[in-house]
């Protein structure tokens, strides 16, 4: 028979409470019996200590115990005699006598045979030696209080045990009720979490859980909601990504198919211009495939990085020299303000050159003719700050955080018009983070987009 978590939790708490209560009951009973009886026996022992000197004096006077065998009143007088420090004018019973100490006392001879007193005194009784002239002439003995209880079948202890048993039973009943209520309240939230998890596993990423109390389950619910939100976002991004890839691949393939069909049908001759157009589309396809490959490698951290001490200024000069003529051909003004001294960093020279080339390529494509692109680099608090500004058109402020997402477009038509794959800035972000740097997008004072990169400098 399988038990659910409700039954397991209920039984675990109930058994724990019952075990604690039963253990507490036995402990209280043991403490009562041992403590109470021990207290009474200790009082009786004190009474015996006071009687011992009187018995020793009486024995020294009579030189035997025969006087006690002949006259029981002598025993009563010796055991109930008033204490010397008692200021009362008449004898009175002590607390130990009121608890039956006198009735429980008896006298044993040196051979531990009873002389007088309680007939139940024996070697197992509480004893004190009576010593005269250095010799033990007898023993005063007292039957333990618990033995008298058993022999007289007193109902007091049984009534206390009965009351204690009733208390334990009522406590267990209360524990059953409280455990049931608490288990239901707790497991209601667990069931809600389990149900939402099943929905999430089935692909329903819109599933959310009410956080409720600010406890461990509340923290788990918040973490679950964040996970579901991240999965929902990733699912949307995956679908968008697949749609964008299919669109980017379909367009050049459609152009190639149309050109080839026109050649096959004899509508267009295979001239140099036709082949050049087809080659451009093939180049666009190749660049898209290469960008997808680079992006996949940087996403999983599998892109090869050969880290070595390099001069960042040298890489920036190389990127500037490689793009200068293309900017001039596009009718753009390209300005560079680079430091004279070196800026040592530890990184991969080829990947960093790819980073800056992609960023400059992005500015080249999206800056209106006659505009300006500015490359600037400074040393700042242990980092090298690289700033790339371009002129209009700009990017709306609510979309600046999305420019590094794959296939993101400010306008859906601009990507095809410029010939870009829409993956360059996503690759740039991954390369920057792989070099333990940061990259952000801001509005440019030139009217376009500013890309700001911070790369940690190597110690001298």
Protein backbone atom coordinates (compact mmCIF):
# COMPACT_ATOMS: atom_id res chain seq x y z
CA UNK A 1 0.00 0.00 0.00
CA UNK A 2 1.46 3.31 -1.08
CA UNK A 3 1.07 6.40 1.07
CA UNK A 4 0.90 9.86 -0.44
CA UNK A 5 2.88 12.79 0.88
CA UNK A 6 -0.18 13.94 2.85
CA UNK A 7 -0.40 10.67 4.77
CA UNK A 8 3.36 10.50 5.24
CA UNK A 9 3.59 14.02 6.62
CA UNK A 10 0.54 13.48 8.83
CA UNK A 11 1.88 10.21 10.25
CA UNK A 12 5.39 11.63 10.72
CA UNK A 13 4.19 14.63 12.73
CA UNK A 14 1.62 12.57 14.65
CA UNK A 15 4.08 9.82 15.57
CA UNK A 16 6.62 12.42 16.65
CA UNK A 17 4.09 14.21 18.88
CA UNK A 18 2.82 10.94 20.33
CA UNK A 19 6.36 9.72 21.03
CA UNK A 20 7.21 12.98 22.77
CA UNK A 21 4.05 12.87 24.89
CA UNK A 22 4.45 9.22 25.86
CA UNK A 23 8.10 9.74 26.71
CA UNK A 24 7.18 12.81 28.74
CA UNK A 25 4.50 10.82 30.57
CA UNK A 26 6.88 8.01 31.50
CA UNK A 27 9.50 10.55 32.54
CA UNK A 28 6.98 12.38 34.74
CA UNK A 29 5.86 9.10 36.31
CA UNK A 30 9.44 8.05 36.96
CA UNK A 31 10.28 11.47 38.34
CA UNK A 32 7.20 11.46 40.57
CA UNK A 33 7.81 8.00 41.94
CA UNK A 34 11.55 8.40 42.44
CA UNK A 35 11.47 12.01 43.50
CA UNK A 36 8.47 11.83 45.82
CA UNK A 37 9.43 8.54 47.41
CA UNK A 38 13.02 9.65 47.64
CA UNK A 39 11.92 12.77 49.47
CA UNK A 40 9.85 10.77 51.96
CA UNK A 41 12.62 8.23 52.49
CA UNK A 42 15.14 11.02 53.01
CA UNK A 43 12.90 12.49 55.71
CA UNK A 44 12.65 9.07 57.31
CA UNK A 45 16.45 8.74 57.19
CA UNK A 46 16.78 12.00 59.06
CA UNK A 47 14.35 10.69 61.67
CA UNK A 48 16.40 7.51 62.02
CA UNK A 49 19.59 9.55 62.52
CA UNK A 50 17.94 11.26 65.48
CA UNK A 51 16.73 7.98 67.01
CA UNK A 52 20.12 6.22 66.73
CA UNK A 53 21.77 8.14 69.67
CA UNK A 54 18.82 7.43 71.93
CA UNK A 55 18.94 3.71 71.17
CA UNK A 56 22.71 3.66 71.74
CA UNK A 57 22.27 5.39 75.12
CA UNK A 58 19.47 3.00 76.12
CA UNK A 59 21.54 -0.04 75.13
CA UNK A 60 24.53 1.26 77.09
CA UNK A 61 22.32 1.60 80.12
CA UNK A 62 20.65 -1.82 79.89
CA UNK A 63 23.53 -3.71 78.17
CA UNK A 64 20.99 -5.60 76.00
CA UNK A 65 17.78 -5.20 74.00
CA UNK A 66 15.70 -7.31 76.33
CA UNK A 67 14.01 -4.28 77.85
CA UNK A 68 12.46 -3.51 74.46
CA UNK A 69 11.25 -7.09 74.01
CA UNK A 70 9.49 -6.95 77.38
CA UNK A 71 7.92 -3.51 77.12
CA UNK A 72 6.84 -2.08 73.74
CA UNK A 73 6.22 1.27 75.42
CA UNK A 74 9.97 1.72 75.78
CA UNK A 75 10.28 1.48 71.98
CA UNK A 76 7.56 4.08 71.50
CA UNK A 77 9.19 6.47 73.95
CA UNK A 78 12.60 6.12 72.30
CA UNK A 79 11.33 6.62 68.75
CA UNK A 80 8.78 9.36 69.50
CA UNK A 81 10.74 11.25 72.15
CA UNK A 82 10.85 15.03 71.73
CA UNK A 83 13.98 16.40 70.11
CA UNK A 84 16.31 18.38 72.34
CA UNK A 85 16.07 21.41 70.04
CA UNK A 86 12.24 21.33 70.05
CA UNK A 87 11.05 24.42 72.06
CA UNK A 88 7.42 23.27 72.32
CA UNK A 89 6.23 22.36 75.85
CA UNK A 90 4.78 19.03 74.76
CA UNK A 91 6.00 16.38 72.31
CA UNK A 92 4.75 16.70 68.75
CA UNK A 93 5.02 14.51 65.69
CA UNK A 94 7.53 15.55 63.06
CA UNK A 95 6.67 15.64 59.34
CA UNK A 96 8.39 12.26 58.89
CA UNK A 97 6.31 10.75 61.70
CA UNK A 98 3.17 12.19 60.13
CA UNK A 99 4.18 10.38 56.91
CA UNK A 100 4.35 7.09 58.80
CA UNK A 101 8.04 6.96 59.73
CA UNK A 102 7.32 5.56 63.21
CA UNK A 103 5.08 2.82 61.88
CA UNK A 104 7.73 1.82 59.30
CA UNK A 105 10.65 1.60 61.78
CA UNK A 106 11.95 -1.50 63.48
CA UNK A 107 15.04 -2.70 65.38
CA UNK A 108 17.35 -5.50 64.24
CA UNK A 109 20.02 -7.22 66.31
CA UNK A 110 23.62 -7.51 65.07
CA UNK A 111 22.62 -10.66 63.18
CA UNK A 112 19.85 -8.67 61.40
CA UNK A 113 17.04 -10.49 63.23
CA UNK A 114 14.03 -8.44 64.16
CA UNK A 115 13.76 -7.34 67.78
CA UNK A 116 10.89 -4.88 67.84
CA UNK A 117 8.91 -2.57 65.55
CA UNK A 118 7.47 -3.09 62.08
CA UNK A 119 7.41 -6.81 61.28
CA UNK A 120 8.40 -6.17 57.63
CA UNK A 121 11.83 -4.75 58.40
CA UNK A 122 14.59 -6.88 56.90
CA UNK A 123 18.03 -6.70 55.39
CA UNK A 124 16.50 -4.90 52.36
CA UNK A 125 15.20 -2.07 54.54
CA UNK A 126 16.80 1.31 55.04
CA UNK A 127 19.26 0.81 57.92
CA UNK A 128 21.41 2.76 60.34
CA UNK A 129 23.89 1.02 62.67
CA UNK A 130 23.62 1.45 66.44
CA UNK A 131 27.20 1.57 67.75
CA UNK A 132 28.17 1.31 71.43
CA UNK A 133 31.80 1.31 72.56
CA UNK A 134 32.94 0.82 68.95
CA UNK A 135 30.76 -2.26 68.36
CA UNK A 136 27.60 -2.52 66.30
CA UNK A 137 25.00 -3.72 68.76
CA UNK A 138 22.02 -3.46 66.42
CA UNK A 139 20.43 -1.81 63.46
CA UNK A 140 17.52 0.58 63.27
CA UNK A 141 15.70 -0.21 60.06
CA UNK A 142 12.81 1.34 58.13
CA UNK A 143 10.61 -0.15 55.44
CA UNK A 144 10.83 2.07 52.29
CA UNK A 145 7.77 4.19 51.66
CA UNK A 146 7.09 2.59 48.27
CA UNK A 147 6.93 -0.85 49.90
CA UNK A 148 4.26 0.39 52.24
CA UNK A 149 2.37 1.81 49.27
CA UNK A 150 2.39 -1.55 47.54
CA UNK A 151 1.38 -3.45 50.61
CA UNK A 152 -1.45 -1.08 51.48
CA UNK A 153 -2.62 -0.72 47.85
CA UNK A 154 -2.85 3.04 48.13
CA UNK A 155 -5.00 4.67 45.47
CA UNK A 156 -3.18 8.01 45.35
CA UNK A 157 -0.45 6.94 42.97
CA UNK A 158 -2.89 5.08 40.76
CA UNK A 159 -5.14 8.13 40.54
CA UNK A 160 -2.18 10.31 39.56
CA UNK A 161 -1.14 7.82 36.89
CA UNK A 162 -4.72 7.72 35.61
CA UNK A 163 -4.85 11.52 35.39
CA UNK A 164 -1.49 11.57 33.61
CA UNK A 165 -2.72 8.95 31.13
CA UNK A 166 -5.82 11.04 30.42
CA UNK A 167 -3.63 14.11 29.85
CA UNK A 168 -1.45 12.17 27.39
CA UNK A 169 -4.52 10.86 25.53
CA UNK A 170 -6.04 14.35 25.28
CA UNK A 171 -2.71 15.77 24.13
CA UNK A 172 -2.42 13.11 21.42
CA UNK A 173 -5.96 13.91 20.29
CA UNK A 174 -5.09 17.60 20.10
CA UNK A 175 -1.91 16.71 18.19
CA UNK A 176 -4.02 14.70 15.70
CA UNK A 177 -6.30 17.67 15.09
CA UNK A 178 -3.52 20.26 14.77
CA UNK A 179 -1.41 17.95 12.60
CA UNK A 180 -4.31 17.39 10.24
CA UNK A 181 -5.01 21.11 9.91
CA UNK A 182 -1.35 22.08 9.47
CA UNK A 183 -0.68 19.24 7.03
CA UNK A 184 -3.61 20.28 4.85
CA UNK A 185 -2.55 23.94 4.86
CA UNK A 186 1.06 23.09 4.05
CA UNK A 187 0.33 20.47 1.43
CA UNK A 188 -2.18 22.69 -0.33
CA UNK A 189 0.75 24.87 -1.39
CA UNK A 190 2.85 21.82 -2.27
CA UNK A 191 0.05 20.46 -4.46
CA UNK A 192 -0.22 23.85 -6.18
CA UNK A 193 3.52 23.73 -6.88
CA UNK A 194 3.30 20.15 -8.15
CA UNK A 195 0.36 20.99 -10.44
CA UNK A 196 2.17 24.01 -11.89
CA UNK A 197 5.29 21.88 -12.41
CA UNK A 198 3.27 19.31 -14.37
CA UNK A 199 1.86 22.09 -16.55
CA UNK A 200 5.35 23.48 -17.10
CA UNK A 201 6.68 20.04 -18.02
CA UNK A 202 3.81 19.69 -20.50
CA UNK A 203 4.91 22.88 -22.26
CA UNK A 204 2.56 25.40 -20.66
CA UNK A 205 5.10 28.11 -19.84
CA UNK A 206 2.39 30.56 -18.77
CA UNK A 207 1.88 28.59 -15.55
CA UNK A 208 2.46 30.68 -12.40
CA UNK A 209 2.17 30.03 -8.64
CA UNK A 210 0.81 32.35 -5.98
CA UNK A 211 3.76 33.21 -3.73
CA UNK A 212 1.78 33.43 -0.49
CA UNK A 213 3.78 33.56 2.74
CA UNK A 214 7.37 34.76 2.82
CA UNK A 215 8.89 31.40 3.76
CA UNK A 216 10.82 28.59 2.04
CA UNK A 217 7.80 27.60 -0.05
CA UNK A 218 7.26 31.24 -0.96
CA UNK A 219 10.88 31.48 -2.09
CA UNK A 220 10.44 28.27 -4.09
CA UNK A 221 7.29 29.71 -5.69
CA UNK A 222 9.14 32.90 -6.69
CA UNK A 223 11.98 30.86 -8.16
CA UNK A 224 9.46 28.72 -10.03
CA UNK A 225 7.76 31.80 -11.46
CA UNK A 226 11.10 33.20 -12.57
CA UNK A 227 11.96 29.87 -14.20
CA UNK A 228 8.60 29.73 -15.98
CA UNK A 229 9.03 33.31 -17.15
CA UNK A 230 12.53 32.57 -18.46
CA UNK A 231 11.29 29.45 -20.27
CA UNK A 232 8.40 31.39 -21.75
CA UNK A 233 10.79 34.08 -22.94
CA UNK A 234 13.17 31.48 -24.36
CA UNK A 235 10.33 29.75 -26.17
CA UNK A 236 9.22 33.01 -27.75
CA UNK A 237 12.84 33.80 -28.65
CA UNK A 238 13.26 30.32 -30.16
CA UNK A 239 10.18 30.70 -32.33
CA UNK A 240 11.22 34.18 -33.39
CA UNK A 241 14.73 32.94 -34.08
CA UNK A 242 13.49 30.09 -36.27
CA UNK A 243 11.15 32.43 -38.14
CA UNK A 244 13.96 34.94 -38.70
CA UNK A 245 16.38 32.25 -39.89
CA UNK A 246 13.82 30.87 -42.32
CA UNK A 247 13.15 34.39 -43.61
CA UNK A 248 16.84 35.23 -43.97
CA UNK A 249 17.53 31.96 -45.80
CA UNK A 250 14.41 32.05 -47.95
CA UNK A 251 15.04 35.48 -49.48
CA UNK A 252 18.47 34.85 -51.11
CA UNK A 253 17.39 31.32 -52.06
CA UNK A 254 14.30 32.73 -53.77
CA UNK A 255 16.45 35.20 -55.70
CA UNK A 256 18.86 32.46 -56.75
CA UNK A 257 16.00 30.19 -57.81
CA UNK A 258 14.42 32.96 -59.85
CA UNK A 259 17.72 33.77 -61.58
CA UNK A 260 18.42 30.11 -62.35
CA UNK A 261 14.90 29.50 -63.66
CA UNK A 262 15.19 32.59 -65.86
CA UNK A 263 18.45 31.27 -67.30
CA UNK A 264 17.00 27.78 -67.79
CA UNK A 265 13.92 29.18 -69.54
CA UNK A 266 16.08 31.36 -71.77
CA UNK A 267 14.52 34.54 -70.44
CA UNK A 268 17.84 35.88 -69.22
CA UNK A 269 21.21 34.94 -70.69
CA UNK A 270 23.99 33.84 -68.29
CA UNK A 271 25.81 37.16 -68.50
CA UNK A 272 28.47 38.52 -66.17
CA UNK A 273 25.94 40.80 -64.45
CA UNK A 274 23.57 37.89 -63.84
CA UNK A 275 26.31 35.78 -62.39
CA UNK A 276 27.45 38.71 -60.23
CA UNK A 277 23.95 39.10 -58.80
CA UNK A 278 23.79 35.40 -58.06
CA UNK A 279 27.25 35.53 -56.48
CA UNK A 280 26.12 38.34 -54.17
CA UNK A 281 23.18 36.26 -52.99
CA UNK A 282 25.49 33.28 -52.42
CA UNK A 283 27.82 35.58 -50.48
CA UNK A 284 24.88 36.76 -48.39
CA UNK A 285 23.94 33.16 -47.65
CA UNK A 286 27.53 32.33 -46.77
CA UNK A 287 27.81 35.31 -44.42
CA UNK A 288 24.55 34.36 -42.69
CA UNK A 289 25.72 30.77 -42.22
CA UNK A 290 29.11 31.96 -40.89
CA UNK A 291 27.44 34.39 -38.50
CA UNK A 292 25.12 31.65 -37.24
CA UNK A 293 28.10 29.39 -36.72
CA UNK A 294 30.03 32.06 -34.80
CA UNK A 295 26.97 32.91 -32.73
CA UNK A 296 26.38 29.28 -31.78
CA UNK A 297 30.02 28.91 -30.75
CA UNK A 298 29.99 32.07 -28.62
CA UNK A 299 26.66 31.12 -27.04
CA UNK A 300 28.02 27.82 -25.70
CA UNK A 301 31.51 29.18 -25.03
CA UNK A 302 33.05 26.86 -27.63
CA UNK A 303 34.66 29.55 -29.75
CA UNK A 304 38.43 29.20 -29.60
CA UNK A 305 40.15 32.04 -27.77
CA UNK A 306 43.93 32.25 -27.74
CA UNK A 307 44.55 34.62 -24.88
CA UNK A 308 47.84 36.47 -24.89
CA UNK A 309 49.13 39.90 -23.84
CA UNK A 310 48.30 42.30 -26.70
CA UNK A 311 48.11 46.03 -27.33
CA UNK A 312 44.52 47.19 -27.75
CA UNK A 313 45.60 50.39 -29.53
CA UNK A 314 47.27 48.34 -32.26
CA UNK A 315 44.06 46.37 -32.85
CA UNK A 316 41.99 49.56 -33.01
CA UNK A 317 44.42 51.07 -35.55
CA UNK A 318 44.09 47.89 -37.66
CA UNK A 319 40.28 48.04 -37.52
CA UNK A 320 40.36 51.74 -38.45
CA UNK A 321 42.73 51.16 -41.38
CA UNK A 322 40.67 48.23 -42.67
CA UNK A 323 37.38 50.20 -42.73
CA UNK A 324 38.57 53.70 -43.72
CA UNK A 325 38.24 53.30 -47.49
CA UNK A 326 34.82 51.71 -47.22
CA UNK A 327 33.59 54.65 -45.17
CA UNK A 328 34.96 57.06 -47.77
CA UNK A 329 33.27 55.10 -50.56
CA UNK A 330 29.96 55.27 -48.67
CA UNK A 331 30.24 59.06 -48.30
CA UNK A 332 30.76 58.90 -44.49
CA UNK A 333 33.27 60.81 -42.42
CA UNK A 334 35.33 58.42 -40.27
CA UNK A 335 37.14 59.97 -37.30
CA UNK A 336 39.45 58.20 -34.84
CA UNK A 337 40.92 59.49 -31.57
CA UNK A 338 43.24 56.81 -30.22
CA UNK A 339 45.87 57.12 -27.45
CA UNK A 340 49.55 57.32 -28.31
CA UNK A 341 50.75 54.85 -25.69
CA UNK A 342 49.86 51.16 -25.52
CA UNK A 343 46.84 49.75 -23.66
CA UNK A 344 47.81 46.23 -22.57
CA UNK A 345 44.99 43.68 -22.40
CA UNK A 346 44.91 39.91 -22.30
CA UNK A 347 42.79 38.45 -25.06
CA UNK A 348 42.48 36.97 -28.53
CA UNK A 349 43.73 39.42 -31.17
CA UNK A 350 41.66 37.93 -34.00
CA UNK A 351 38.42 37.92 -31.97
CA UNK A 352 38.89 41.47 -30.73
CA UNK A 353 39.57 42.62 -34.29
CA UNK A 354 36.35 40.81 -35.29
CA UNK A 355 34.54 42.63 -32.47
CA UNK A 356 35.57 46.13 -33.57
CA UNK A 357 35.16 45.34 -37.28
CA UNK A 358 31.58 44.13 -36.68
CA UNK A 359 30.75 47.29 -34.74
CA UNK A 360 32.20 49.56 -37.43
CA UNK A 361 30.43 47.50 -40.10
CA UNK A 362 27.16 48.07 -38.24
CA UNK A 363 27.75 51.85 -38.21
CA UNK A 364 28.67 51.77 -41.91
CA UNK A 365 25.42 50.07 -42.84
CA UNK A 366 23.00 52.06 -40.73
CA UNK A 367 24.42 55.60 -40.90
CA UNK A 368 22.85 57.89 -43.49
CA UNK A 369 25.06 59.11 -46.31
CA UNK A 370 26.99 62.25 -45.41
CA UNK A 371 27.04 61.32 -41.73
CA UNK A 372 29.88 60.81 -39.29
CA UNK A 373 31.31 57.81 -37.42
CA UNK A 374 33.72 58.43 -34.57
CA UNK A 375 36.04 55.91 -32.86
CA UNK A 376 37.40 56.95 -29.44
CA UNK A 377 39.46 55.10 -26.80
CA UNK A 378 40.68 56.15 -23.32
CA UNK A 379 42.12 54.60 -20.17
CA UNK A 380 39.71 54.75 -17.21
CA UNK A 381 40.08 53.19 -13.73
CA UNK A 382 41.88 50.03 -14.80
CA UNK A 383 39.80 49.49 -17.93
CA UNK A 384 40.10 50.51 -21.55
CA UNK A 385 36.95 52.29 -22.68
CA UNK A 386 36.17 52.14 -26.40
CA UNK A 387 33.37 54.36 -27.72
CA UNK A 388 31.92 54.20 -31.23
CA UNK A 389 29.49 57.02 -32.14
CA UNK A 390 27.56 57.44 -35.36
CA UNK A 391 25.13 60.00 -36.63
CA UNK A 392 21.46 59.64 -37.60
CA UNK A 393 19.36 57.62 -37.72
CA UNK A 394 19.15 56.82 -34.03
CA UNK A 395 17.54 54.02 -32.02
CA UNK A 396 14.51 54.72 -29.78
CA UNK A 397 15.38 54.64 -26.09
CA UNK A 398 13.00 51.75 -25.32
CA UNK A 399 14.81 49.56 -27.86
CA UNK A 400 18.42 50.25 -26.86
CA UNK A 401 18.56 47.20 -24.57
CA UNK A 402 17.43 44.93 -27.44
CA UNK A 403 20.03 45.88 -30.05
CA UNK A 404 22.28 42.99 -28.93
CA UNK A 405 19.54 40.39 -29.42
CA UNK A 406 19.83 38.16 -32.46
CA UNK A 407 17.87 39.28 -35.52
CA UNK A 408 16.67 42.41 -33.73
CA UNK A 409 15.63 45.21 -36.08
CA UNK A 410 14.52 48.72 -35.29
CA UNK A 411 12.51 48.44 -38.50
CA UNK A 412 11.68 45.07 -40.00
CA UNK A 413 12.70 46.15 -43.50
CA UNK A 414 16.09 47.70 -42.71
CA UNK A 415 18.03 44.48 -42.29
CA UNK A 416 17.48 43.29 -45.86
CA UNK A 417 18.05 46.72 -47.31
CA UNK A 418 21.44 46.99 -45.62
CA UNK A 419 22.45 43.44 -46.34
CA UNK A 420 23.14 42.56 -42.70
CA UNK A 421 22.32 39.24 -41.07
CA UNK A 422 21.11 40.77 -37.80
CA UNK A 423 23.56 38.67 -35.79
CA UNK A 424 26.63 40.93 -35.69
CA UNK A 425 25.83 42.76 -32.44
CA UNK A 426 24.85 39.51 -30.69
CA UNK A 427 28.27 38.08 -31.63
CA UNK A 428 29.92 41.29 -30.39
CA UNK A 429 28.24 40.93 -27.00
CA UNK A 430 29.42 37.33 -26.62
CA UNK A 431 33.01 38.19 -27.61
CA UNK A 432 33.07 41.09 -25.13
CA UNK A 433 31.75 39.00 -22.27
CA UNK A 434 34.25 36.24 -23.11
CA UNK A 435 36.99 38.85 -22.50
CA UNK A 436 35.37 39.75 -19.12
CA UNK A 437 34.22 43.09 -20.49
CA UNK A 438 30.91 44.92 -20.82
CA UNK A 439 29.14 46.36 -23.83
CA UNK A 440 26.20 48.78 -23.74
CA UNK A 441 24.19 50.88 -26.19
CA UNK A 442 23.34 54.53 -25.58
CA UNK A 443 22.05 57.49 -27.59
CA UNK A 444 24.93 59.18 -29.41
CA UNK A 445 25.55 62.91 -29.18
CA UNK A 446 25.97 62.76 -32.98
CA UNK A 447 22.31 61.77 -33.31
CA UNK A 448 22.72 58.06 -33.89
CA UNK A 449 23.86 55.12 -31.75
CA UNK A 450 26.72 54.98 -29.25
CA UNK A 451 28.35 51.63 -28.45
CA UNK A 452 30.42 51.68 -25.26
CA UNK A 453 32.83 48.85 -24.43
CA UNK A 454 34.92 48.42 -21.24
CA UNK A 455 37.74 45.86 -21.32
CA UNK A 456 39.92 45.18 -18.25
CA UNK A 457 43.56 46.22 -18.66
CA UNK A 458 46.36 43.80 -17.85
CA UNK A 459 48.62 44.69 -14.90
CA UNK A 460 51.92 46.23 -15.97
